[in-house]
């Protein structure tokens, strides 16, 4: 036997022994890991069903970035054509398209699920490191999934989830043991600012930490000037990271529109208040109630920053349901700490427990690996056709190729998918899901045409001869336009319908 073989065998033996001790003495930790692995398998199995409008938007804009570089003006749609476009999500869109080029929609769905699981696992590990019991984390996970699961759609937001968890943990750990590690929040925020607009949530948490440092040290700040450096760096530095993008100060207008513009609230369901979904709202308010109760019952287990941050994130979720994702992740990290009693006594090794835990972990991991492999191998066509109709694309392509002057009006369920499958439609579609590029008047006109509201409800359809509609979402609009004088039905499968209007009616 060589001299290298003995150390290698000893190393393998130590690893095996450590794993066996984990499975036989840390049953709750193993079960928590199994639950997260099962979540991964479920997300992977369900991934083909969560490609939606934002998925196609990410791919369309990612392709534009790949081919032409950073955009500054809108050229893909008619209603917003020529307007300044701050594509704040450019990096995640480019990454999405790059992933598609490497492994198709299957790989993109796999990465999307992996990002969600990484964020959930990171929040659970963060709670564990902050002193929470694994059993309490597992119970909290079941509650918080009601806030996290609705955001499982394949889109750019998932790239921000692990970054949110990293920032939240760095800040929570810094309160318990202050160190320079907290400044890692700044490079994370810079990356996040180029991935997704939700970076405002992270910047808010960092600035809040700085404000609380000032408050806690208010009686000492008159003396050494160096005491000001840390809190001011956090307060001022966090918002400045939002500007470190290719758009610089132009990003200010983007955030003002997204946070205070108002058009998204009326046009997109995810920007409505949480009460717009009673089932989700009920679980959300239950979680908030439990958190507040635990804060009052055991105030020593959490910090002032954690309590205020959770309540601020809850308030943001009440006004915009899309913010529930970040509330859920933060609650998963903080609530178990507040709910947990004193640390449980270490368990003695148990051979039966070890075998059961090993079996459960192996089965969960195998299920996740098989689900991931199956998803990667899934043809892109079978994923797309779950929600889209290729016949619609063929009809639209035939008509628009025959007459380059024809413009297309469709609802947001089809707009970006048509752009994705037929790039020649760029500049000929009325609009897509980027409602932030539209004025309030334009959004109102679109709502009127898709609900047949008002005397001039056809105003938004002027100039558009080809209509792609869905009877499930706009039945009144389908009925109104199919009975127009001179209208021709080019496709109708009972749900989707393609209508060619007469030039006179369109004018």
Protein backbone atom coordinates (compact mmCIF):
# COMPACT_ATOMS: atom_id res chain seq x y z
CA UNK A 1 0.00 0.00 0.00
CA UNK A 2 1.39 3.42 -0.98
CA UNK A 3 2.09 6.12 1.58
CA UNK A 4 -0.73 8.25 0.06
CA UNK A 5 -3.38 5.53 0.37
CA UNK A 6 -3.47 5.55 4.18
CA UNK A 7 -4.23 9.30 4.53
CA UNK A 8 -6.90 9.02 1.82
CA UNK A 9 -8.56 6.10 3.57
CA UNK A 10 -8.42 7.99 6.87
CA UNK A 11 -10.02 11.03 5.25
CA UNK A 12 -12.82 8.92 3.74
CA UNK A 13 -13.39 7.26 7.10
CA UNK A 14 -13.64 10.63 8.84
CA UNK A 15 -16.14 11.88 6.24
CA UNK A 16 -18.24 8.73 6.59
CA UNK A 17 -18.21 8.99 10.36
CA UNK A 18 -19.24 12.66 10.24
CA UNK A 19 -22.13 11.87 7.90
CA UNK A 20 -23.27 9.00 10.10
CA UNK A 21 -23.17 11.24 13.18
CA UNK A 22 -25.23 13.81 11.31
CA UNK A 23 -27.92 11.30 10.33
CA UNK A 24 -28.03 9.56 13.72
CA UNK A 25 -27.79 12.53 16.11
CA UNK A 26 -29.23 15.50 14.16
CA UNK A 27 -32.55 14.12 13.02
CA UNK A 28 -34.32 17.49 12.90
CA UNK A 29 -31.62 19.06 10.77
CA UNK A 30 -31.78 16.13 8.36
CA UNK A 31 -35.57 16.37 8.13
CA UNK A 32 -35.28 20.08 7.37
CA UNK A 33 -32.83 19.28 4.59
CA UNK A 34 -35.14 16.56 3.29
CA UNK A 35 -38.07 18.99 3.23
CA UNK A 36 -36.05 21.52 1.20
CA UNK A 37 -34.91 18.77 -1.18
CA UNK A 38 -38.50 17.63 -1.64
CA UNK A 39 -39.40 21.25 -2.37
CA UNK A 40 -36.71 21.24 -5.05
CA UNK A 41 -38.18 18.10 -6.64
CA UNK A 42 -41.70 19.57 -6.63
CA UNK A 43 -40.50 22.82 -8.21
CA UNK A 44 -38.59 20.94 -10.90
CA UNK A 45 -41.58 18.73 -11.73
CA UNK A 46 -43.85 21.77 -11.94
CA UNK A 47 -41.39 23.98 -13.87
CA UNK A 48 -42.89 23.37 -17.35
CA UNK A 49 -46.15 24.85 -16.03
CA UNK A 50 -44.66 28.11 -14.75
CA UNK A 51 -43.38 29.57 -18.01
CA UNK A 52 -45.54 32.62 -18.47
CA UNK A 53 -45.55 36.15 -19.86
CA UNK A 54 -42.53 37.30 -17.83
CA UNK A 55 -40.60 34.24 -19.02
CA UNK A 56 -41.02 35.22 -22.68
CA UNK A 57 -40.26 38.86 -21.87
CA UNK A 58 -36.94 37.86 -20.27
CA UNK A 59 -36.01 35.82 -23.33
CA UNK A 60 -37.08 38.49 -25.83
CA UNK A 61 -35.16 41.26 -24.11
CA UNK A 62 -32.22 38.95 -23.43
CA UNK A 63 -31.99 38.22 -27.15
CA UNK A 64 -32.10 41.95 -27.92
CA UNK A 65 -29.26 42.52 -25.46
CA UNK A 66 -27.27 39.67 -26.99
CA UNK A 67 -27.69 41.06 -30.49
CA UNK A 68 -27.65 44.85 -30.07
CA UNK A 69 -26.32 45.65 -26.59
CA UNK A 70 -27.80 47.72 -23.77
CA UNK A 71 -31.08 49.34 -24.95
CA UNK A 72 -31.95 52.94 -24.20
CA UNK A 73 -35.11 53.47 -26.27
CA UNK A 74 -38.09 51.21 -26.90
CA UNK A 75 -38.27 49.65 -30.38
CA UNK A 76 -40.20 46.41 -29.80
CA UNK A 77 -43.74 47.78 -29.47
CA UNK A 78 -45.82 50.50 -31.13
CA UNK A 79 -47.49 52.32 -28.24
CA UNK A 80 -44.21 52.94 -26.41
CA UNK A 81 -42.01 53.25 -29.50
CA UNK A 82 -39.17 55.73 -29.05
CA UNK A 83 -39.69 56.21 -25.32
CA UNK A 84 -36.69 56.10 -23.00
CA UNK A 85 -36.30 52.55 -21.74
CA UNK A 86 -34.27 51.87 -18.62
CA UNK A 87 -33.86 48.10 -18.85
CA UNK A 88 -32.92 47.70 -15.20
CA UNK A 89 -33.10 43.90 -15.39
CA UNK A 90 -30.63 43.69 -18.27
CA UNK A 91 -28.16 41.33 -16.60
CA UNK A 92 -30.73 38.74 -15.52
CA UNK A 93 -32.36 38.91 -18.97
CA UNK A 94 -29.00 38.35 -20.63
CA UNK A 95 -28.30 35.47 -18.24
CA UNK A 96 -31.71 33.93 -19.00
CA UNK A 97 -31.07 34.03 -22.73
CA UNK A 98 -27.55 32.65 -22.25
CA UNK A 99 -28.91 29.75 -20.20
CA UNK A 100 -31.47 29.10 -22.94
CA UNK A 101 -28.75 29.00 -25.58
CA UNK A 102 -26.83 26.45 -23.52
CA UNK A 103 -29.64 24.10 -22.52
CA UNK A 104 -32.99 25.35 -23.79
CA UNK A 105 -36.10 26.01 -21.74
CA UNK A 106 -35.48 22.90 -19.65
CA UNK A 107 -32.20 24.21 -18.30
CA UNK A 108 -33.74 27.65 -17.74
CA UNK A 109 -36.53 26.07 -15.69
CA UNK A 110 -33.96 24.06 -13.72
CA UNK A 111 -31.91 27.14 -12.90
CA UNK A 112 -35.08 29.00 -11.89
CA UNK A 113 -36.03 26.23 -9.45
CA UNK A 114 -32.45 26.07 -8.14
CA UNK A 115 -32.47 29.81 -7.37
CA UNK A 116 -35.69 29.48 -5.39
CA UNK A 117 -34.36 26.49 -3.44
CA UNK A 118 -31.03 28.25 -2.82
CA UNK A 119 -32.88 31.23 -1.32
CA UNK A 120 -35.13 29.06 0.86
CA UNK A 121 -32.19 26.92 2.01
CA UNK A 122 -30.15 30.07 2.69
CA UNK A 123 -32.93 31.53 4.83
CA UNK A 124 -33.23 28.24 6.76
CA UNK A 125 -29.47 28.03 7.31
CA UNK A 126 -29.47 31.69 8.35
CA UNK A 127 -32.17 31.01 10.93
CA UNK A 128 -30.21 28.02 12.19
CA UNK A 129 -27.02 30.07 12.56
CA UNK A 130 -28.97 32.78 14.38
CA UNK A 131 -30.01 30.20 16.98
CA UNK A 132 -33.33 28.76 15.79
CA UNK A 133 -34.33 25.14 16.22
CA UNK A 134 -34.61 23.08 13.02
CA UNK A 135 -38.06 21.81 14.00
CA UNK A 136 -39.36 25.36 14.40
CA UNK A 137 -37.77 26.33 11.07
CA UNK A 138 -39.55 23.41 9.41
CA UNK A 139 -42.94 24.55 10.76
CA UNK A 140 -42.25 28.15 9.76
CA UNK A 141 -41.23 26.98 6.28
CA UNK A 142 -44.66 25.43 5.77
CA UNK A 143 -46.26 28.77 6.67
CA UNK A 144 -43.89 30.95 4.66
CA UNK A 145 -44.22 28.88 1.50
CA UNK A 146 -47.64 30.46 1.01
CA UNK A 147 -45.80 33.76 0.52
CA UNK A 148 -42.92 32.34 -1.53
CA UNK A 149 -44.64 29.82 -3.80
CA UNK A 150 -46.73 32.30 -5.86
CA UNK A 151 -43.43 33.76 -7.19
CA UNK A 152 -42.17 30.50 -8.71
CA UNK A 153 -42.75 31.66 -12.31
CA UNK A 154 -39.68 31.48 -14.54
CA UNK A 155 -38.54 35.10 -14.65
CA UNK A 156 -35.79 37.51 -13.69
CA UNK A 157 -36.99 38.03 -10.11
CA UNK A 158 -35.60 34.64 -9.06
CA UNK A 159 -32.04 35.89 -9.61
CA UNK A 160 -32.61 38.38 -6.78
CA UNK A 161 -33.88 35.88 -4.20
CA UNK A 162 -30.53 34.48 -2.97
CA UNK A 163 -29.09 38.01 -2.89
CA UNK A 164 -31.91 39.20 -0.64
CA UNK A 165 -31.23 36.34 1.77
CA UNK A 166 -27.48 37.08 1.76
CA UNK A 167 -28.03 40.76 2.57
CA UNK A 168 -30.56 39.98 5.30
CA UNK A 169 -28.26 37.45 6.97
CA UNK A 170 -25.20 39.72 6.81
CA UNK A 171 -27.16 42.46 8.56
CA UNK A 172 -28.66 40.14 11.17
CA UNK A 173 -25.25 38.61 11.91
CA UNK A 174 -23.62 42.06 12.09
CA UNK A 175 -25.97 43.14 14.86
CA UNK A 176 -24.92 40.17 17.01
CA UNK A 177 -21.22 40.43 16.16
CA UNK A 178 -20.33 43.69 14.38
CA UNK A 179 -17.57 43.33 11.81
CA UNK A 180 -16.48 44.57 8.41
CA UNK A 181 -18.31 41.68 6.78
CA UNK A 182 -21.40 43.86 6.67
CA UNK A 183 -19.79 45.87 3.87
CA UNK A 184 -20.19 42.84 1.61
CA UNK A 185 -23.75 44.12 1.31
CA UNK A 186 -22.51 46.81 -1.09
CA UNK A 187 -21.12 44.55 -3.87
CA UNK A 188 -24.19 42.32 -3.47
CA UNK A 189 -26.46 45.34 -3.92
CA UNK A 190 -24.51 46.47 -6.99
CA UNK A 191 -24.97 43.05 -8.60
CA UNK A 192 -28.62 43.02 -7.54
CA UNK A 193 -29.18 46.51 -9.00
CA UNK A 194 -28.32 45.11 -12.42
CA UNK A 195 -30.50 42.04 -12.01
CA UNK A 196 -33.86 43.21 -10.68
CA UNK A 197 -35.69 46.27 -9.39
CA UNK A 198 -36.40 44.60 -6.04
CA UNK A 199 -32.93 45.79 -5.01
CA UNK A 200 -34.82 48.63 -3.32
CA UNK A 201 -35.82 46.10 -0.65
CA UNK A 202 -32.19 45.26 0.08
CA UNK A 203 -31.10 48.89 0.07
CA UNK A 204 -33.90 49.68 2.51
CA UNK A 205 -32.70 46.98 4.92
CA UNK A 206 -29.10 48.23 4.80
CA UNK A 207 -30.10 51.88 5.34
CA UNK A 208 -32.39 50.84 8.19
CA UNK A 209 -29.43 49.16 9.87
CA UNK A 210 -27.43 52.39 9.58
CA UNK A 211 -30.26 54.47 11.03
CA UNK A 212 -30.59 52.16 14.02
CA UNK A 213 -26.84 52.35 14.65
CA UNK A 214 -27.15 56.13 14.79
CA UNK A 215 -30.05 55.85 17.21
CA UNK A 216 -28.29 53.34 19.45
CA UNK A 217 -25.10 55.45 19.56
CA UNK A 218 -26.82 58.85 19.71
CA UNK A 219 -25.32 59.69 23.11
CA UNK A 220 -21.77 58.91 21.96
CA UNK A 221 -21.76 60.54 18.53
CA UNK A 222 -20.61 63.93 19.83
CA UNK A 223 -17.16 62.63 20.61
CA UNK A 224 -15.14 60.46 18.16
CA UNK A 225 -15.93 61.29 14.56
CA UNK A 226 -15.12 57.73 13.54
CA UNK A 227 -18.38 56.57 15.14
CA UNK A 228 -20.20 58.30 12.28
CA UNK A 229 -18.39 56.42 9.52
CA UNK A 230 -20.14 53.07 9.81
CA UNK A 231 -23.79 54.23 10.05
CA UNK A 232 -23.37 56.93 7.39
CA UNK A 233 -21.70 54.45 5.03
CA UNK A 234 -24.71 52.14 5.36
CA UNK A 235 -27.32 54.90 5.14
CA UNK A 236 -25.82 56.71 2.15
CA UNK A 237 -23.98 53.88 0.42
CA UNK A 238 -26.97 51.56 0.03
CA UNK A 239 -29.10 53.93 -2.11
CA UNK A 240 -26.06 54.89 -4.19
CA UNK A 241 -25.53 51.28 -5.27
CA UNK A 242 -28.83 51.51 -7.14
CA UNK A 243 -27.20 53.93 -9.57
CA UNK A 244 -24.20 51.71 -10.40
CA UNK A 245 -25.74 50.39 -13.60
CA UNK A 246 -25.28 51.22 -17.31
CA UNK A 247 -28.09 53.77 -16.86
CA UNK A 248 -26.60 55.76 -13.97
CA UNK A 249 -28.82 58.55 -12.69
CA UNK A 250 -31.47 57.69 -15.29
CA UNK A 251 -32.34 54.80 -12.98
CA UNK A 252 -33.93 57.30 -10.59
CA UNK A 253 -36.81 57.86 -13.01
CA UNK A 254 -37.25 54.11 -13.38
CA UNK A 255 -37.54 53.55 -9.62
CA UNK A 256 -39.87 56.52 -9.26
CA UNK A 257 -42.16 55.01 -11.90
CA UNK A 258 -42.04 51.51 -10.43
CA UNK A 259 -42.55 52.58 -6.84
CA UNK A 260 -44.85 55.58 -7.21
CA UNK A 261 -46.04 55.63 -10.83
CA UNK A 262 -49.42 54.03 -10.22
CA UNK A 263 -50.07 52.51 -13.70
CA UNK A 264 -48.79 49.06 -12.67
CA UNK A 265 -51.26 48.89 -9.80
CA UNK A 266 -54.17 49.12 -12.23
CA UNK A 267 -52.69 46.99 -15.02
CA UNK A 268 -50.92 44.05 -13.30
CA UNK A 269 -52.51 41.85 -10.64
CA UNK A 270 -49.19 41.32 -8.85
CA UNK A 271 -49.01 45.03 -8.13
CA UNK A 272 -52.38 45.04 -6.41
CA UNK A 273 -52.75 44.95 -2.60
CA UNK A 274 -52.43 41.59 -0.85
CA UNK A 275 -56.15 41.65 -0.11
CA UNK A 276 -56.79 41.05 -3.82
CA UNK A 277 -56.07 37.36 -3.06
CA UNK A 278 -58.10 36.43 0.05
CA UNK A 279 -56.53 32.99 0.54
CA UNK A 280 -52.96 34.29 0.40
CA UNK A 281 -53.91 37.32 2.50
CA UNK A 282 -55.33 35.10 5.25
CA UNK A 283 -52.11 33.10 5.60
CA UNK A 284 -50.02 36.27 5.34
CA UNK A 285 -51.87 38.05 8.14
CA UNK A 286 -51.65 34.88 10.23
CA UNK A 287 -47.86 34.87 9.82
CA UNK A 288 -47.66 38.57 10.68
CA UNK A 289 -49.81 38.00 13.76
CA UNK A 290 -47.64 35.12 14.96
CA UNK A 291 -44.50 37.18 14.40
CA UNK A 292 -45.83 40.16 16.38
CA UNK A 293 -46.98 37.84 19.17
CA UNK A 294 -43.55 36.21 19.37
CA UNK A 295 -41.82 39.61 19.34
CA UNK A 296 -43.87 40.72 22.32
CA UNK A 297 -43.55 37.44 24.21
CA UNK A 298 -39.81 36.96 23.67
CA UNK A 299 -38.31 40.36 22.75
CA UNK A 300 -34.82 39.25 23.80
CA UNK A 301 -34.57 36.63 21.04
CA UNK A 302 -34.64 39.08 18.14
CA UNK A 303 -33.12 42.50 17.56
CA UNK A 304 -34.81 45.83 17.02
CA UNK A 305 -33.64 45.84 13.40
CA UNK A 306 -35.17 42.41 12.74
CA UNK A 307 -38.51 43.37 14.23
CA UNK A 308 -38.75 46.67 12.38
CA UNK A 309 -37.51 45.15 9.11
CA UNK A 310 -40.11 42.38 9.22
CA UNK A 311 -42.90 44.87 9.88
CA UNK A 312 -41.69 47.16 7.06
CA UNK A 313 -41.60 44.21 4.64
CA UNK A 314 -45.08 43.23 5.81
CA UNK A 315 -46.36 46.75 5.15
CA UNK A 316 -44.80 46.65 1.67
CA UNK A 317 -46.57 43.34 1.02
CA UNK A 318 -49.93 44.76 2.09
CA UNK A 319 -49.69 47.45 -0.56
CA UNK A 320 -48.13 45.26 -3.31
CA UNK A 321 -48.71 41.53 -3.32
CA UNK A 322 -45.52 40.93 -5.31
CA UNK A 323 -43.47 41.91 -2.23
CA UNK A 324 -44.80 38.87 -0.37
CA UNK A 325 -41.84 36.87 -1.66
CA UNK A 326 -39.33 38.91 0.32
CA UNK A 327 -41.51 38.99 3.40
CA UNK A 328 -41.73 35.20 3.27
CA UNK A 329 -37.95 34.75 2.97
CA UNK A 330 -37.24 37.21 5.77
CA UNK A 331 -39.90 35.68 8.02
CA UNK A 332 -38.39 32.23 7.41
CA UNK A 333 -35.07 33.52 8.74
CA UNK A 334 -36.32 35.60 11.67
CA UNK A 335 -39.55 34.05 12.95
CA UNK A 336 -38.02 30.72 14.04
CA UNK A 337 -35.47 32.63 16.13
CA UNK A 338 -38.25 34.52 17.86
CA UNK A 339 -40.39 31.42 18.37
CA UNK A 340 -37.68 29.02 19.53
CA UNK A 341 -37.16 28.22 23.17
CA UNK A 342 -33.76 27.42 24.67
CA UNK A 343 -31.57 25.16 22.47
CA UNK A 344 -32.58 21.54 22.68
CA UNK A 345 -30.23 19.06 24.28
CA UNK A 346 -28.04 17.11 21.87
CA UNK A 347 -29.50 13.77 20.85
CA UNK A 348 -27.66 10.55 21.51
CA UNK A 349 -26.64 8.49 18.48
CA UNK A 350 -29.44 6.17 17.37
CA UNK A 351 -28.81 3.51 14.74
CA UNK A 352 -32.47 3.24 13.67
CA UNK A 353 -32.85 7.01 13.43
CA UNK A 354 -29.70 7.20 11.36
CA UNK A 355 -30.93 4.59 8.90
CA UNK A 356 -34.35 6.22 8.53
CA UNK A 357 -32.84 9.66 8.00
CA UNK A 358 -30.34 8.30 5.50
CA UNK A 359 -33.15 6.61 3.59
CA UNK A 360 -35.30 9.73 3.52
CA UNK A 361 -32.41 11.94 2.42
CA UNK A 362 -31.38 9.50 -0.30
CA UNK A 363 -34.93 9.22 -1.64
CA UNK A 364 -35.47 12.99 -1.65
CA UNK A 365 -32.13 13.64 -3.36
CA UNK A 366 -32.80 10.96 -5.96
CA UNK A 367 -36.23 12.45 -6.70
CA UNK A 368 -34.72 15.93 -7.16
CA UNK A 369 -31.95 14.63 -9.44
CA UNK A 370 -34.37 12.62 -11.59
CA UNK A 371 -36.79 15.57 -11.82
CA UNK A 372 -33.97 17.92 -12.81
CA UNK A 373 -32.62 15.54 -15.43
CA UNK A 374 -36.11 15.01 -16.87
CA UNK A 375 -36.71 18.76 -17.04
CA UNK A 376 -33.41 19.46 -18.80
CA UNK A 377 -34.25 16.74 -21.34
CA UNK A 378 -37.75 18.11 -21.97
CA UNK A 379 -38.07 19.57 -25.50
CA UNK A 380 -38.76 23.29 -25.60
CA UNK A 381 -41.83 22.72 -27.76
CA UNK A 382 -43.57 20.62 -25.13
CA UNK A 383 -43.00 23.35 -22.55
CA UNK A 384 -44.26 26.15 -24.79
CA UNK A 385 -47.31 24.29 -26.04
CA UNK A 386 -48.74 23.87 -22.55
CA UNK A 387 -50.02 27.45 -22.75
CA UNK A 388 -49.49 28.59 -26.34
CA UNK A 389 -50.93 27.61 -29.73
CA UNK A 390 -48.47 27.20 -32.61
CA UNK A 391 -51.38 27.58 -35.06
CA UNK A 392 -51.84 31.15 -33.82
CA UNK A 393 -48.21 31.89 -34.58
CA UNK A 394 -48.50 30.45 -38.09
CA UNK A 395 -51.59 32.51 -38.87
CA UNK A 396 -50.03 35.72 -37.56
CA UNK A 397 -46.80 35.08 -39.47
CA UNK A 398 -48.68 34.40 -42.71
CA UNK A 399 -50.70 37.62 -42.51
CA UNK A 400 -47.88 39.91 -41.36
CA UNK A 401 -45.45 38.53 -43.95
CA UNK A 402 -48.01 39.11 -46.70
CA UNK A 403 -48.61 42.72 -45.63
CA UNK A 404 -45.70 44.44 -43.83
CA UNK A 405 -47.96 47.38 -42.95
CA UNK A 406 -50.29 45.33 -40.75
CA UNK A 407 -50.00 45.90 -37.01
CA UNK A 408 -51.05 43.43 -34.32
CA UNK A 409 -53.03 43.97 -31.14
CA UNK A 410 -53.06 41.13 -28.64
CA UNK A 411 -53.43 40.77 -24.91
CA UNK A 412 -50.38 40.41 -22.70
CA UNK A 413 -50.72 36.61 -22.60
CA UNK A 414 -49.54 36.37 -26.19
CA UNK A 415 -47.55 39.54 -26.92
CA UNK A 416 -44.09 38.55 -25.68
CA UNK A 417 -44.41 34.94 -26.80
CA UNK A 418 -45.20 36.12 -30.34
CA UNK A 419 -42.16 38.41 -30.20
CA UNK A 420 -40.06 35.53 -28.94
CA UNK A 421 -41.11 33.17 -31.70
CA UNK A 422 -41.23 35.76 -34.49
CA UNK A 423 -38.68 38.59 -34.07
CA UNK A 424 -39.97 40.24 -37.24
CA UNK A 425 -42.99 41.39 -35.22
CA UNK A 426 -40.76 43.85 -33.38
CA UNK A 427 -42.19 47.34 -33.84
CA UNK A 428 -45.55 45.95 -35.06
CA UNK A 429 -47.12 44.71 -31.81
CA UNK A 430 -49.18 47.23 -29.89
CA UNK A 431 -47.62 46.62 -26.46
CA UNK A 432 -46.32 43.94 -24.11
CA UNK A 433 -46.17 43.43 -20.34
CA UNK A 434 -43.80 46.36 -19.73
CA UNK A 435 -46.65 48.58 -18.60
CA UNK A 436 -44.17 50.97 -16.99
CA UNK A 437 -43.39 52.24 -20.51
CA UNK A 438 -47.02 53.25 -21.04
CA UNK A 439 -48.81 56.34 -19.80
CA UNK A 440 -51.84 56.15 -17.55
CA UNK A 441 -54.00 57.21 -20.51
CA UNK A 442 -52.66 54.38 -22.67
CA UNK A 443 -53.23 51.82 -19.93
CA UNK A 444 -56.81 53.07 -19.48
CA UNK A 445 -57.41 52.78 -23.24
CA UNK A 446 -56.15 49.18 -23.23
CA UNK A 447 -58.32 48.31 -20.27
CA UNK A 448 -61.32 49.79 -22.07
CA UNK A 449 -60.78 47.74 -25.23
CA UNK A 450 -60.27 44.50 -23.29
CA UNK A 451 -63.34 45.03 -21.13
CA UNK A 452 -65.52 46.80 -23.74
CA UNK A 453 -65.99 49.75 -21.42
CA UNK A 454 -67.18 53.16 -22.57
CA UNK A 455 -68.44 54.54 -25.86
CA UNK A 456 -64.95 54.85 -27.37
CA UNK A 457 -63.68 51.49 -26.15
CA UNK A 458 -62.15 50.74 -29.58
CA UNK A 459 -59.78 53.69 -29.35
CA UNK A 460 -56.75 51.53 -28.44
CA UNK A 461 -57.50 49.26 -31.43
CA UNK A 462 -57.28 52.04 -34.02
CA UNK A 463 -54.61 51.23 -36.57
CA UNK A 464 -54.52 47.52 -35.70
CA UNK A 465 -56.07 45.16 -38.22
CA UNK A 466 -54.90 41.83 -36.78
CA UNK A 467 -56.27 40.92 -33.35
CA UNK A 468 -55.13 37.92 -31.28
CA UNK A 469 -57.57 37.42 -28.42
CA UNK A 470 -58.47 34.82 -25.82
CA UNK A 471 -62.11 34.13 -25.03
CA UNK A 472 -61.17 33.02 -21.49
CA UNK A 473 -59.82 36.47 -20.57
CA UNK A 474 -61.71 38.93 -22.79
CA UNK A 475 -64.99 37.33 -23.95
CA UNK A 476 -66.71 40.69 -24.49
CA UNK A 477 -63.87 41.92 -26.71
CA UNK A 478 -64.01 38.74 -28.81
CA UNK A 479 -67.75 39.17 -29.30
CA UNK A 480 -67.44 42.86 -30.17
CA UNK A 481 -64.73 42.52 -32.82
CA UNK A 482 -65.82 39.29 -34.46
CA UNK A 483 -69.12 40.94 -35.37
CA UNK A 484 -67.53 44.04 -36.89
CA UNK A 485 -68.48 44.65 -40.53
CA UNK A 486 -65.92 43.00 -42.78
CA UNK A 487 -64.18 41.05 -39.99
CA UNK A 488 -62.70 37.66 -40.95
CA UNK A 489 -62.01 34.85 -38.48
CA UNK A 490 -58.62 33.37 -39.42
CA UNK A 491 -58.35 31.00 -36.48
CA UNK A 492 -60.70 29.90 -33.73
CA UNK A 493 -60.21 26.87 -31.48
CA UNK A 494 -62.83 27.84 -28.93
CA UNK A 495 -60.41 29.77 -26.73
CA UNK A 496 -57.90 31.62 -28.91
CA UNK A 497 -59.19 33.55 -31.86
CA UNK A 498 -57.39 35.53 -34.58
CA UNK A 499 -59.46 38.24 -36.29
CA UNK A 500 -58.53 40.22 -39.41
CA UNK A 501 -60.39 43.53 -39.38
CA UNK A 502 -61.27 45.48 -42.47
CA UNK A 503 -59.02 48.43 -43.27
CA UNK A 504 -61.99 50.77 -42.88
CA UNK A 505 -62.88 49.55 -39.39
CA UNK A 506 -59.26 49.62 -38.23
CA UNK A 507 -58.88 53.21 -39.44
